[in-house]
Amino acid sequence: MSKTGAKKSEATIQRILITQPRPETDKSPYFELERKYPVKLDFCPFIRLEGIPSKDFRKQKIELALHSGIIFTSRNAIDHFFRMVEEMKASISPETKYFCITEAVALYLQKFILYRKRKVFYGSDGTNKSMLDVIQKQKANVKFLYVCSENQQDNEIVNGLKNIGCDFNLAFMYRSVPSDVKTLLAETPYAMICFFTPSGVQSLFENIPKFKQNGLVFGAFGGNTIKAMEDRGLQVEIKAPQPSAPSMVAALDQYFAAKKR
């Protein structure tokens, strides 16, 4: 290939920003997208998490040991729950049930507990609805604890728990803080940015208060994230989860495949 041809090929490669940490392994399906399509993926979290100290958590007046069902929507929630259990020297029953948003989150529990299918449950397709369907079947005589961020609890889950008549408490064990991404966004000509939380969207506008979309393609994971973006006047072209695209990777794959035709 000539030098001119090489430059042209490089110019057609689109830079995509995934607002999450870089996967720990090159076997991540994200990198399969780079092999299949002319794209380059960058990873940079738009938020960082701070654990709420146990002395502050005590002000919420929540007795961890009194809850027989724990709800997790992320690995971060699992990390901070067991951190809090250790810091407060709480006693958690071996019969405690755990309800997770996805199988991947559920499997992460193996880091902390003896994983048994009769006490670990997860939704079928990664949506809030599928997890709530599982919770509804198991809700009898269960007092639930929804472990979440101080500024990022999912209202769809909260309202869902109320609607199906669950006995539950919210447990704020961590909070999200905006990361400084001004330089990254100023220096890199991204064609697309993918968001996963409303806090990530908020971080964008805290970094760039007068941000304008100007043709930038946006992807979003989760109903609350999509709403947060649309409330800011942003158009979201790639949305997940959906029946045909349960993950952001699947949604991106479908989008790039359609553009390739």
C-alpha atoms as a PDB file:
ATOM      1  CA  MET A   1       0.000   0.000   0.000  1.00  0.00           C
ATOM      2  CA  SER A   2       1.276   3.489  -0.834  1.00  0.00           C
ATOM      3  CA  LYS A   3       1.930   6.043   1.876  1.00  0.00           C
ATOM      4  CA  THR A   4      -1.020   8.046   0.569  1.00  0.00           C
ATOM      5  CA  GLY A   5      -3.252   4.977   0.808  1.00  0.00           C
ATOM      6  CA  ALA A   6      -2.054   4.254   4.337  1.00  0.00           C
ATOM      7  CA  LYS A   7      -2.839   7.782   5.448  1.00  0.00           C
ATOM      8  CA  LYS A   8      -6.297   7.564   3.929  1.00  0.00           C
ATOM      9  CA  SER A   9      -6.951   4.246   5.684  1.00  0.00           C
ATOM     10  CA  GLU A  10      -5.860   5.693   9.028  1.00  0.00           C
ATOM     11  CA  ALA A  11      -8.066   8.741   8.503  1.00  0.00           C
ATOM     12  CA  THR A  12     -11.160   6.559   8.148  1.00  0.00           C
ATOM     13  CA  ILE A  13     -10.637   4.976  11.571  1.00  0.00           C
ATOM     14  CA  GLN A  14     -13.155   6.419  13.998  1.00  0.00           C
ATOM     15  CA  ARG A  15     -12.201   7.131  17.596  1.00  0.00           C
ATOM     16  CA  ILE A  16     -14.793   5.876  20.074  1.00  0.00           C
ATOM     17  CA  LEU A  17     -14.756   6.832  23.752  1.00  0.00           C
ATOM     18  CA  ILE A  18     -16.136   4.312  26.245  1.00  0.00           C
ATOM     19  CA  THR A  19     -16.713   6.075  29.566  1.00  0.00           C
ATOM     20  CA  GLN A  20     -15.688   3.063  31.630  1.00  0.00           C
ATOM     21  CA  PRO A  21     -12.351   1.615  32.796  1.00  0.00           C
ATOM     22  CA  ARG A  22     -10.350  -0.286  30.202  1.00  0.00           C
ATOM     23  CA  PRO A  23     -11.117  -4.031  30.371  1.00  0.00           C
ATOM     24  CA  GLU A  24      -8.543  -6.019  32.308  1.00  0.00           C
ATOM     25  CA  THR A  25      -8.089  -8.559  29.542  1.00  0.00           C
ATOM     26  CA  ASP A  26      -7.576  -8.244  25.785  1.00  0.00           C
ATOM     27  CA  LYS A  27     -10.176 -11.002  25.422  1.00  0.00           C
ATOM     28  CA  SER A  28     -12.919  -8.460  26.140  1.00  0.00           C
ATOM     29  CA  PRO A  29     -15.571  -8.402  23.379  1.00  0.00           C
ATOM     30  CA  TYR A  30     -14.914  -4.668  23.057  1.00  0.00           C
ATOM     31  CA  PHE A  31     -11.642  -5.419  21.310  1.00  0.00           C
ATOM     32  CA  GLU A  32     -13.391  -7.699  18.848  1.00  0.00           C
ATOM     33  CA  LEU A  33     -15.091  -4.544  17.567  1.00  0.00           C
ATOM     34  CA  GLU A  34     -11.661  -3.114  16.714  1.00  0.00           C
ATOM     35  CA  ARG A  35     -10.842  -6.259  14.757  1.00  0.00           C
ATOM     36  CA  LYS A  36     -14.136  -6.220  12.841  1.00  0.00           C
ATOM     37  CA  TYR A  37     -14.533  -2.515  12.075  1.00  0.00           C
ATOM     38  CA  PRO A  38     -12.375   0.561  11.355  1.00  0.00           C
ATOM     39  CA  VAL A  39     -12.660   1.903  14.900  1.00  0.00           C
ATOM     40  CA  LYS A  40     -10.301   2.577  17.788  1.00  0.00           C
ATOM     41  CA  LEU A  41     -11.666   2.395  21.307  1.00  0.00           C
ATOM     42  CA  ASP A  42     -10.441   4.554  24.154  1.00  0.00           C
ATOM     43  CA  PHE A  43     -11.546   3.966  27.743  1.00  0.00           C
ATOM     44  CA  CYS A  44     -11.864   6.691  30.343  1.00  0.00           C
ATOM     45  CA  PRO A  45     -14.305   6.758  33.283  1.00  0.00           C
ATOM     46  CA  PHE A  46     -16.122  10.085  33.552  1.00  0.00           C
ATOM     47  CA  ILE A  47     -16.715   9.449  37.246  1.00  0.00           C
ATOM     48  CA  ARG A  48     -14.770   7.947  40.107  1.00  0.00           C
ATOM     49  CA  LEU A  49     -16.307   6.300  43.126  1.00  0.00           C
ATOM     50  CA  GLU A  50     -15.641   7.172  46.739  1.00  0.00           C
ATOM     51  CA  GLY A  51     -16.654   4.805  49.489  1.00  0.00           C
ATOM     52  CA  ILE A  52     -18.822   6.274  52.230  1.00  0.00           C
ATOM     53  CA  PRO A  53     -17.049   5.686  55.573  1.00  0.00           C
ATOM     54  CA  SER A  54     -18.773   3.332  57.989  1.00  0.00           C
ATOM     55  CA  LYS A  55     -19.114   6.125  60.561  1.00  0.00           C
ATOM     56  CA  ASP A  56     -21.209   8.070  58.042  1.00  0.00           C
ATOM     57  CA  PHE A  57     -23.115   4.984  56.923  1.00  0.00           C
ATOM     58  CA  ARG A  58     -24.221   4.408  60.528  1.00  0.00           C
ATOM     59  CA  LYS A  59     -26.204   7.656  60.290  1.00  0.00           C
ATOM     60  CA  GLN A  60     -28.531   5.865  57.848  1.00  0.00           C
ATOM     61  CA  LYS A  61     -29.530   3.600  60.759  1.00  0.00           C
ATOM     62  CA  ILE A  62     -29.550   0.436  58.672  1.00  0.00           C
ATOM     63  CA  GLU A  63     -28.943  -2.954  60.277  1.00  0.00           C
ATOM     64  CA  LEU A  64     -27.247  -5.022  57.583  1.00  0.00           C
ATOM     65  CA  ALA A  65     -27.898  -8.324  59.345  1.00  0.00           C
ATOM     66  CA  LEU A  66     -31.679  -7.759  59.319  1.00  0.00           C
ATOM     67  CA  HIS A  67     -31.872  -7.931  55.520  1.00  0.00           C
ATOM     68  CA  SER A  68     -32.272 -11.340  53.903  1.00  0.00           C
ATOM     69  CA  GLY A  69     -32.132 -10.194  50.277  1.00  0.00           C
ATOM     70  CA  ILE A  70     -29.418  -7.926  48.838  1.00  0.00           C
ATOM     71  CA  ILE A  71     -29.822  -6.198  45.455  1.00  0.00           C
ATOM     72  CA  PHE A  72     -26.747  -5.411  43.340  1.00  0.00           C
ATOM     73  CA  THR A  73     -26.641  -3.602  39.987  1.00  0.00           C
ATOM     74  CA  SER A  74     -22.839  -3.455  39.670  1.00  0.00           C
ATOM     75  CA  ARG A  75     -19.585  -4.975  40.852  1.00  0.00           C
ATOM     76  CA  ASN A  76     -18.859  -1.696  42.619  1.00  0.00           C
ATOM     77  CA  ALA A  77     -21.959  -2.183  44.745  1.00  0.00           C
ATOM     78  CA  ILE A  78     -20.740  -5.672  45.704  1.00  0.00           C
ATOM     79  CA  ASP A  79     -17.278  -4.359  46.627  1.00  0.00           C
ATOM     80  CA  HIS A  80     -18.672  -1.634  48.862  1.00  0.00           C
ATOM     81  CA  PHE A  81     -21.276  -3.863  50.496  1.00  0.00           C
ATOM     82  CA  PHE A  82     -18.697  -6.376  51.662  1.00  0.00           C
ATOM     83  CA  ARG A  83     -16.330  -3.553  52.616  1.00  0.00           C
ATOM     84  CA  MET A  84     -19.075  -2.162  54.835  1.00  0.00           C
ATOM     85  CA  VAL A  85     -19.836  -5.599  56.277  1.00  0.00           C
ATOM     86  CA  GLU A  86     -16.179  -5.928  57.267  1.00  0.00           C
ATOM     87  CA  GLU A  87     -15.843  -2.392  58.641  1.00  0.00           C
ATOM     88  CA  MET A  88     -19.000  -2.716  60.728  1.00  0.00           C
ATOM     89  CA  LYS A  89     -18.214  -6.303  61.720  1.00  0.00           C
ATOM     90  CA  ALA A  90     -21.735  -7.238  60.655  1.00  0.00           C
ATOM     91  CA  SER A  91     -22.910 -10.832  60.657  1.00  0.00           C
ATOM     92  CA  ILE A  92     -24.480 -11.894  57.351  1.00  0.00           C
ATOM     93  CA  SER A  93     -26.481 -15.122  57.327  1.00  0.00           C
ATOM     94  CA  PRO A  94     -25.273 -17.881  54.969  1.00  0.00           C
ATOM     95  CA  GLU A  95     -28.909 -18.080  53.828  1.00  0.00           C
ATOM     96  CA  THR A  96     -28.943 -14.486  52.573  1.00  0.00           C
ATOM     97  CA  LYS A  97     -30.191 -14.226  48.983  1.00  0.00           C
ATOM     98  CA  TYR A  98     -28.479 -12.018  46.401  1.00  0.00           C
ATOM     99  CA  PHE A  99     -30.279 -10.487  43.406  1.00  0.00           C
ATOM    100  CA  CYS A 100     -28.124  -9.159  40.554  1.00  0.00           C
ATOM    101  CA  ILE A 101     -28.776  -7.210  37.368  1.00  0.00           C
ATOM    102  CA  THR A 102     -26.750  -9.616  35.178  1.00  0.00           C
ATOM    103  CA  GLU A 103     -25.062 -12.990  35.367  1.00  0.00           C
ATOM    104  CA  ALA A 104     -21.653 -11.292  35.164  1.00  0.00           C
ATOM    105  CA  VAL A 105     -22.424  -9.266  38.296  1.00  0.00           C
ATOM    106  CA  ALA A 106     -23.761 -12.389  40.011  1.00  0.00           C
ATOM    107  CA  LEU A 107     -20.605 -14.371  39.240  1.00  0.00           C
ATOM    108  CA  TYR A 108     -18.504 -11.604  40.800  1.00  0.00           C
ATOM    109  CA  LEU A 109     -20.024 -12.632  44.150  1.00  0.00           C
ATOM    110  CA  GLN A 110     -17.686 -15.653  44.079  1.00  0.00           C
ATOM    111  CA  LYS A 111     -14.984 -13.274  45.294  1.00  0.00           C
ATOM    112  CA  PHE A 112     -16.844 -12.923  48.600  1.00  0.00           C
ATOM    113  CA  ILE A 113     -19.221 -15.851  49.163  1.00  0.00           C
ATOM    114  CA  LEU A 114     -19.679 -19.522  48.461  1.00  0.00           C
ATOM    115  CA  TYR A 115     -21.668 -19.268  45.241  1.00  0.00           C
ATOM    116  CA  ARG A 116     -24.834 -21.346  45.316  1.00  0.00           C
ATOM    117  CA  LYS A 117     -27.566 -21.074  42.710  1.00  0.00           C
ATOM    118  CA  ARG A 118     -30.313 -21.393  45.285  1.00  0.00           C
ATOM    119  CA  LYS A 119     -29.301 -18.099  46.846  1.00  0.00           C
ATOM    120  CA  VAL A 120     -27.946 -16.100  43.877  1.00  0.00           C
ATOM    121  CA  PHE A 121     -30.410 -14.807  41.289  1.00  0.00           C
ATOM    122  CA  TYR A 122     -30.146 -12.582  38.219  1.00  0.00           C
ATOM    123  CA  GLY A 123     -32.333 -11.297  35.406  1.00  0.00           C
ATOM    124  CA  SER A 124     -32.512 -13.052  32.068  1.00  0.00           C
ATOM    125  CA  ASP A 125     -31.531 -10.152  29.814  1.00  0.00           C
ATOM    126  CA  GLY A 126     -29.717  -7.529  31.896  1.00  0.00           C
ATOM    127  CA  THR A 127     -32.710  -5.209  32.257  1.00  0.00           C
ATOM    128  CA  ASN A 128     -34.235  -3.849  35.454  1.00  0.00           C
ATOM    129  CA  LYS A 129     -37.525  -5.493  34.541  1.00  0.00           C
ATOM    130  CA  SER A 130     -36.063  -8.980  34.287  1.00  0.00           C
ATOM    131  CA  MET A 131     -34.341  -8.585  37.667  1.00  0.00           C
ATOM    132  CA  LEU A 132     -37.550  -7.287  39.239  1.00  0.00           C
ATOM    133  CA  ASP A 133     -39.421 -10.280  37.798  1.00  0.00           C
ATOM    134  CA  VAL A 134     -37.014 -12.580  39.646  1.00  0.00           C
ATOM    135  CA  ILE A 135     -37.345 -10.534  42.843  1.00  0.00           C
ATOM    136  CA  GLN A 136     -41.135 -10.704  42.666  1.00  0.00           C
ATOM    137  CA  LYS A 137     -41.008 -14.509  42.640  1.00  0.00           C
ATOM    138  CA  GLN A 138     -38.771 -14.543  45.732  1.00  0.00           C
ATOM    139  CA  LYS A 139     -40.167 -11.609  47.728  1.00  0.00           C
ATOM    140  CA  ALA A 140     -42.180 -13.562  50.304  1.00  0.00           C
ATOM    141  CA  ASN A 141     -40.703 -13.102  53.804  1.00  0.00           C
ATOM    142  CA  VAL A 142     -37.642 -11.305  52.392  1.00  0.00           C
ATOM    143  CA  LYS A 143     -36.472  -7.881  53.584  1.00  0.00           C
ATOM    144  CA  PHE A 144     -34.436  -6.371  50.755  1.00  0.00           C
ATOM    145  CA  LEU A 145     -31.468  -4.023  50.794  1.00  0.00           C
ATOM    146  CA  TYR A 146     -30.724  -2.145  47.570  1.00  0.00           C
ATOM    147  CA  VAL A 147     -27.040  -1.183  47.638  1.00  0.00           C
ATOM    148  CA  CYS A 148     -26.456   1.919  45.553  1.00  0.00           C
ATOM    149  CA  SER A 149     -24.643   5.204  45.097  1.00  0.00           C
ATOM    150  CA  GLU A 150     -25.639   8.193  47.163  1.00  0.00           C
ATOM    151  CA  ASN A 151     -26.276  10.136  43.957  1.00  0.00           C
ATOM    152  CA  GLN A 152     -27.093   7.404  41.478  1.00  0.00           C
ATOM    153  CA  GLN A 153     -29.823   5.087  42.685  1.00  0.00           C
ATOM    154  CA  ASP A 154     -31.994   3.760  39.850  1.00  0.00           C
ATOM    155  CA  ASN A 155     -35.507   5.159  40.230  1.00  0.00           C
ATOM    156  CA  GLU A 156     -36.871   2.460  37.928  1.00  0.00           C
ATOM    157  CA  ILE A 157     -35.717  -0.169  40.419  1.00  0.00           C
ATOM    158  CA  VAL A 158     -36.963   1.811  43.439  1.00  0.00           C
ATOM    159  CA  ASN A 159     -40.396   2.308  41.869  1.00  0.00           C
ATOM    160  CA  GLY A 160     -40.460  -1.305  40.722  1.00  0.00           C
ATOM    161  CA  LEU A 161     -39.792  -2.578  44.239  1.00  0.00           C
ATOM    162  CA  LYS A 162     -42.624  -0.397  45.527  1.00  0.00           C
ATOM    163  CA  ASN A 163     -45.007  -1.545  42.803  1.00  0.00           C
ATOM    164  CA  ILE A 164     -44.508  -5.250  43.514  1.00  0.00           C
ATOM    165  CA  GLY A 165     -44.882  -4.690  47.250  1.00  0.00           C
ATOM    166  CA  CYS A 166     -41.350  -5.423  48.465  1.00  0.00           C
ATOM    167  CA  ASP A 167     -40.145  -4.603  51.960  1.00  0.00           C
ATOM    168  CA  PHE A 168     -36.869  -2.791  51.243  1.00  0.00           C
ATOM    169  CA  ASN A 169     -34.348  -0.157  52.277  1.00  0.00           C
ATOM    170  CA  LEU A 170     -31.830   1.833  50.267  1.00  0.00           C
ATOM    171  CA  ALA A 171     -28.225   1.587  51.440  1.00  0.00           C
ATOM    172  CA  PHE A 172     -25.940   4.371  50.230  1.00  0.00           C
ATOM    173  CA  MET A 173     -22.414   2.960  50.509  1.00  0.00           C
ATOM    174  CA  TYR A 174     -20.521   4.999  47.913  1.00  0.00           C
ATOM    175  CA  ARG A 175     -20.840   8.163  45.863  1.00  0.00           C
ATOM    176  CA  SER A 176     -19.750   9.209  42.386  1.00  0.00           C
ATOM    177  CA  VAL A 177     -17.461  12.190  41.808  1.00  0.00           C
ATOM    178  CA  PRO A 178     -16.801  13.750  38.344  1.00  0.00           C
ATOM    179  CA  SER A 179     -13.419  13.024  36.757  1.00  0.00           C
ATOM    180  CA  ASP A 180     -11.434  15.743  34.977  1.00  0.00           C
ATOM    181  CA  VAL A 181     -11.766  14.912  31.274  1.00  0.00           C
ATOM    182  CA  LYS A 182     -11.440  18.429  29.800  1.00  0.00           C
ATOM    183  CA  THR A 183      -8.028  17.815  28.213  1.00  0.00           C
ATOM    184  CA  LEU A 184      -9.024  14.437  26.779  1.00  0.00           C
ATOM    185  CA  LEU A 185     -12.113  15.833  25.079  1.00  0.00           C
ATOM    186  CA  ALA A 186     -10.307  18.949  23.834  1.00  0.00           C
ATOM    187  CA  GLU A 187      -7.404  17.053  22.263  1.00  0.00           C
ATOM    188  CA  THR A 188      -9.108  13.975  20.785  1.00  0.00           C
ATOM    189  CA  PRO A 189     -11.537  14.146  17.821  1.00  0.00           C
ATOM    190  CA  TYR A 190     -14.027  11.514  18.957  1.00  0.00           C
ATOM    191  CA  ALA A 191     -16.763  10.392  16.569  1.00  0.00           C
ATOM    192  CA  MET A 192     -18.745   8.707  19.348  1.00  0.00           C
ATOM    193  CA  ILE A 193     -19.037   8.654  23.141  1.00  0.00           C
ATOM    194  CA  CYS A 194     -20.843   5.932  25.080  1.00  0.00           C
ATOM    195  CA  PHE A 195     -22.316   6.598  28.529  1.00  0.00           C
ATOM    196  CA  PHE A 196     -23.442   4.139  31.180  1.00  0.00           C
ATOM    197  CA  THR A 197     -24.725   6.257  34.073  1.00  0.00           C
ATOM    198  CA  PRO A 198     -26.540   9.567  34.601  1.00  0.00           C
ATOM    199  CA  SER A 199     -23.557  10.646  36.700  1.00  0.00           C
ATOM    200  CA  GLY A 200     -21.302  10.215  33.680  1.00  0.00           C
ATOM    201  CA  VAL A 201     -23.575  12.517  31.694  1.00  0.00           C
ATOM    202  CA  GLN A 202     -23.513  15.049  34.530  1.00  0.00           C
ATOM    203  CA  SER A 203     -19.724  14.877  34.571  1.00  0.00           C
ATOM    204  CA  LEU A 204     -19.627  15.790  30.870  1.00  0.00           C
ATOM    205  CA  PHE A 205     -21.475  19.038  31.542  1.00  0.00           C
ATOM    206  CA  GLU A 206     -19.510  19.799  34.695  1.00  0.00           C
ATOM    207  CA  ASN A 207     -16.341  19.534  32.613  1.00  0.00           C
ATOM    208  CA  ILE A 208     -17.808  21.440  29.657  1.00  0.00           C
ATOM    209  CA  PRO A 209     -20.815  23.518  30.830  1.00  0.00           C
ATOM    210  CA  LYS A 210     -21.597  24.801  27.319  1.00  0.00           C
ATOM    211  CA  PHE A 211     -21.151  21.434  25.602  1.00  0.00           C
ATOM    212  CA  LYS A 212     -22.827  21.069  22.195  1.00  0.00           C
ATOM    213  CA  GLN A 213     -23.338  17.761  20.391  1.00  0.00           C
ATOM    214  CA  ASN A 214     -22.386  19.092  16.926  1.00  0.00           C
ATOM    215  CA  GLY A 215     -22.849  15.798  15.095  1.00  0.00           C
ATOM    216  CA  LEU A 216     -21.206  13.629  17.757  1.00  0.00           C
ATOM    217  CA  VAL A 217     -22.826  10.177  17.963  1.00  0.00           C
ATOM    218  CA  PHE A 218     -23.911   9.078  21.424  1.00  0.00           C
ATOM    219  CA  GLY A 219     -24.522   5.624  22.840  1.00  0.00           C
ATOM    220  CA  ALA A 220     -26.235   5.050  26.182  1.00  0.00           C
ATOM    221  CA  PHE A 221     -26.787   2.060  28.430  1.00  0.00           C
ATOM    222  CA  GLY A 222     -29.851   2.005  30.665  1.00  0.00           C
ATOM    223  CA  GLY A 223     -33.133   3.906  30.703  1.00  0.00           C
ATOM    224  CA  ASN A 224     -31.965   6.412  33.302  1.00  0.00           C
ATOM    225  CA  THR A 225     -28.829   7.214  31.312  1.00  0.00           C
ATOM    226  CA  ILE A 226     -30.836   7.715  28.129  1.00  0.00           C
ATOM    227  CA  LYS A 227     -33.272  10.011  29.970  1.00  0.00           C
ATOM    228  CA  ALA A 228     -30.427  12.033  31.515  1.00  0.00           C
ATOM    229  CA  MET A 229     -28.964  12.611  28.057  1.00  0.00           C
ATOM    230  CA  GLU A 230     -32.253  13.491  26.403  1.00  0.00           C
ATOM    231  CA  ASP A 231     -33.085  15.868  29.271  1.00  0.00           C
ATOM    232  CA  ARG A 232     -29.861  17.680  28.365  1.00  0.00           C
ATOM    233  CA  GLY A 233     -30.984  17.978  24.751  1.00  0.00           C
ATOM    234  CA  LEU A 234     -28.670  15.258  23.439  1.00  0.00           C
ATOM    235  CA  GLN A 235     -29.730  12.822  20.725  1.00  0.00           C
ATOM    236  CA  VAL A 236     -28.963   9.198  21.553  1.00  0.00           C
ATOM    237  CA  GLU A 237     -28.480   7.041  18.466  1.00  0.00           C
ATOM    238  CA  ILE A 238     -27.321   3.801  20.109  1.00  0.00           C
ATOM    239  CA  LYS A 239     -29.411   2.467  22.998  1.00  0.00           C
ATOM    240  CA  ALA A 240     -28.978  -0.619  25.170  1.00  0.00           C
ATOM    241  CA  PRO A 241     -30.073  -2.927  26.627  1.00  0.00           C
ATOM    242  CA  GLN A 242     -32.639  -4.113  24.116  1.00  0.00           C
ATOM    243  CA  PRO A 243     -33.871  -7.629  23.289  1.00  0.00           C
ATOM    244  CA  SER A 244     -31.551  -7.778  20.283  1.00  0.00           C
ATOM    245  CA  ALA A 245     -28.700  -5.964  22.061  1.00  0.00           C
ATOM    246  CA  PRO A 246     -28.452  -6.813  25.777  1.00  0.00           C
ATOM    247  CA  SER A 247     -25.049  -5.123  26.110  1.00  0.00           C
ATOM    248  CA  MET A 248     -23.362  -1.990  24.814  1.00  0.00           C
ATOM    249  CA  VAL A 249     -20.941  -4.164  22.827  1.00  0.00           C
ATOM    250  CA  ALA A 250     -23.860  -5.863  21.066  1.00  0.00           C
ATOM    251  CA  ALA A 251     -25.513  -2.511  20.337  1.00  0.00           C
ATOM    252  CA  LEU A 252     -22.274  -1.111  18.902  1.00  0.00           C
ATOM    253  CA  ASP A 253     -21.768  -4.245  16.813  1.00  0.00           C
ATOM    254  CA  GLN A 254     -25.221  -3.839  15.266  1.00  0.00           C
ATOM    255  CA  TYR A 255     -24.642  -0.140  14.634  1.00  0.00           C
ATOM    256  CA  PHE A 256     -21.272  -0.629  12.915  1.00  0.00           C
ATOM    257  CA  ALA A 257     -22.585  -3.587  10.888  1.00  0.00           C
ATOM    258  CA  ALA A 258     -25.482  -1.490   9.610  1.00  0.00           C
ATOM    259  CA  LYS A 259     -23.110   1.344   8.642  1.00  0.00           C
ATOM    260  CA  LYS A 260     -20.855  -1.135   6.825  1.00  0.00           C
ATOM    261  CA  ARG A 261     -23.578  -2.280   4.444  1.00  0.00           C
END
